Amino acid sequence: MNTHTGTARRFVVMFALTLSVLITAACGTLVGAGVGAAGGAAVGAATGHDPGKSALIGAGIGAAGGAIYDITH
C-alpha cells in the first residue's frame, strides 16, 4: 500500500474543503466586486472616461459593500 497517495488524497480533500468554506464566506464580497466592476466600467464608458479605471474603482467599492453585507448578515 502506497501511503504517499493516501496523504496526497487527504491533502487535496482538506484543501478543497477549506477553499469551499472561504468562497462561501466571501460570497458577498466577490459578487459585490463583480457587480461593482461591471457597473463602474459601464458608467465610465458612458461618461467618456477610462472604463478600466472606472472598473477598478467600482470593484473596490463593490467589494467593500459586499464585505459589509457579509459581516452584517
Protein backbone atom coordinates (compact mmCIF):
# COMPACT_ATOMS: atom_id res chain seq x y z
CA MET A 1 0.00 0.00 0.00
CA ASN A 2 1.37 3.39 -1.01
CA THR A 3 0.93 5.83 1.91
CA HIS A 4 2.11 8.78 -0.18
CA THR A 5 -1.04 8.53 -2.33
CA GLY A 6 -3.27 8.48 0.74
CA THR A 7 -1.55 11.53 2.19
CA ALA A 8 -1.87 13.41 -1.07
CA ARG A 9 -5.55 12.49 -1.33
CA ARG A 10 -6.20 13.72 2.23
CA PHE A 11 -4.39 16.95 1.47
CA VAL A 12 -6.47 17.53 -1.67
CA VAL A 13 -9.71 16.87 0.21
CA MET A 14 -8.74 19.24 3.04
CA PHE A 15 -7.66 21.89 0.54
CA ALA A 16 -10.95 21.60 -1.36
CA LEU A 17 -13.00 21.87 1.84
CA THR A 18 -11.01 24.89 3.02
CA LEU A 19 -11.39 26.59 -0.34
CA SER A 20 -15.13 25.91 -0.34
CA VAL A 21 -15.51 27.47 3.11
CA LEU A 22 -13.52 30.55 2.08
CA ILE A 23 -15.51 31.01 -1.10
CA THR A 24 -18.79 30.67 0.78
CA ALA A 25 -17.68 33.15 3.44
CA ALA A 26 -16.56 35.69 0.84
CA CYS A 27 -19.53 35.28 -1.49
CA GLY A 28 -20.94 38.76 -0.90
CA THR A 29 -17.53 40.33 -1.36
CA LEU A 30 -16.92 38.54 -4.66
CA VAL A 31 -20.38 39.30 -6.00
CA GLY A 32 -20.11 42.92 -4.89
CA ALA A 33 -16.74 43.28 -6.60
CA GLY A 34 -18.06 41.77 -9.82
CA VAL A 35 -21.18 43.90 -9.92
CA GLY A 36 -19.20 47.00 -8.96
CA ALA A 37 -16.63 46.40 -11.68
CA ALA A 38 -19.29 45.91 -14.33
CA GLY A 39 -21.23 48.95 -13.18
CA GLY A 40 -18.10 51.08 -12.94
CA ALA A 41 -16.97 50.12 -16.43
CA ALA A 42 -20.41 50.88 -17.85
CA VAL A 43 -20.59 54.29 -16.17
CA GLY A 44 -17.03 55.10 -17.21
CA ALA A 45 -17.70 54.20 -20.82
CA ALA A 46 -21.00 56.09 -20.88
CA THR A 47 -19.45 59.26 -19.48
CA GLY A 48 -16.39 59.16 -21.75
CA HIS A 49 -13.88 58.27 -19.01
CA ASP A 50 -11.45 55.36 -18.91
CA PRO A 51 -13.55 52.20 -18.39
CA GLY A 52 -10.57 50.33 -16.90
CA LYS A 53 -10.07 52.86 -14.14
CA SER A 54 -13.80 53.06 -13.54
CA ALA A 55 -14.00 49.27 -13.27
CA LEU A 56 -11.23 49.23 -10.65
CA ILE A 57 -12.95 51.90 -8.59
CA GLY A 58 -16.29 50.10 -8.92
CA ALA A 59 -14.73 46.78 -7.92
CA GLY A 60 -13.22 48.33 -4.80
CA ILE A 61 -16.47 49.96 -3.77
CA GLY A 62 -18.48 46.83 -4.56
CA ALA A 63 -16.09 44.59 -2.61
CA ALA A 64 -16.29 46.89 0.39
CA GLY A 65 -20.08 46.90 0.19
CA GLY A 66 -20.18 43.12 -0.16
CA ALA A 67 -17.86 42.65 2.82
CA ILE A 68 -20.05 44.93 4.94
CA TYR A 69 -23.10 42.97 3.83
CA ASP A 70 -21.39 39.67 4.75
CA ILE A 71 -20.48 41.00 8.19
CA THR A 72 -23.94 42.35 9.00
CA HIS A 73 -25.96 39.38 7.74
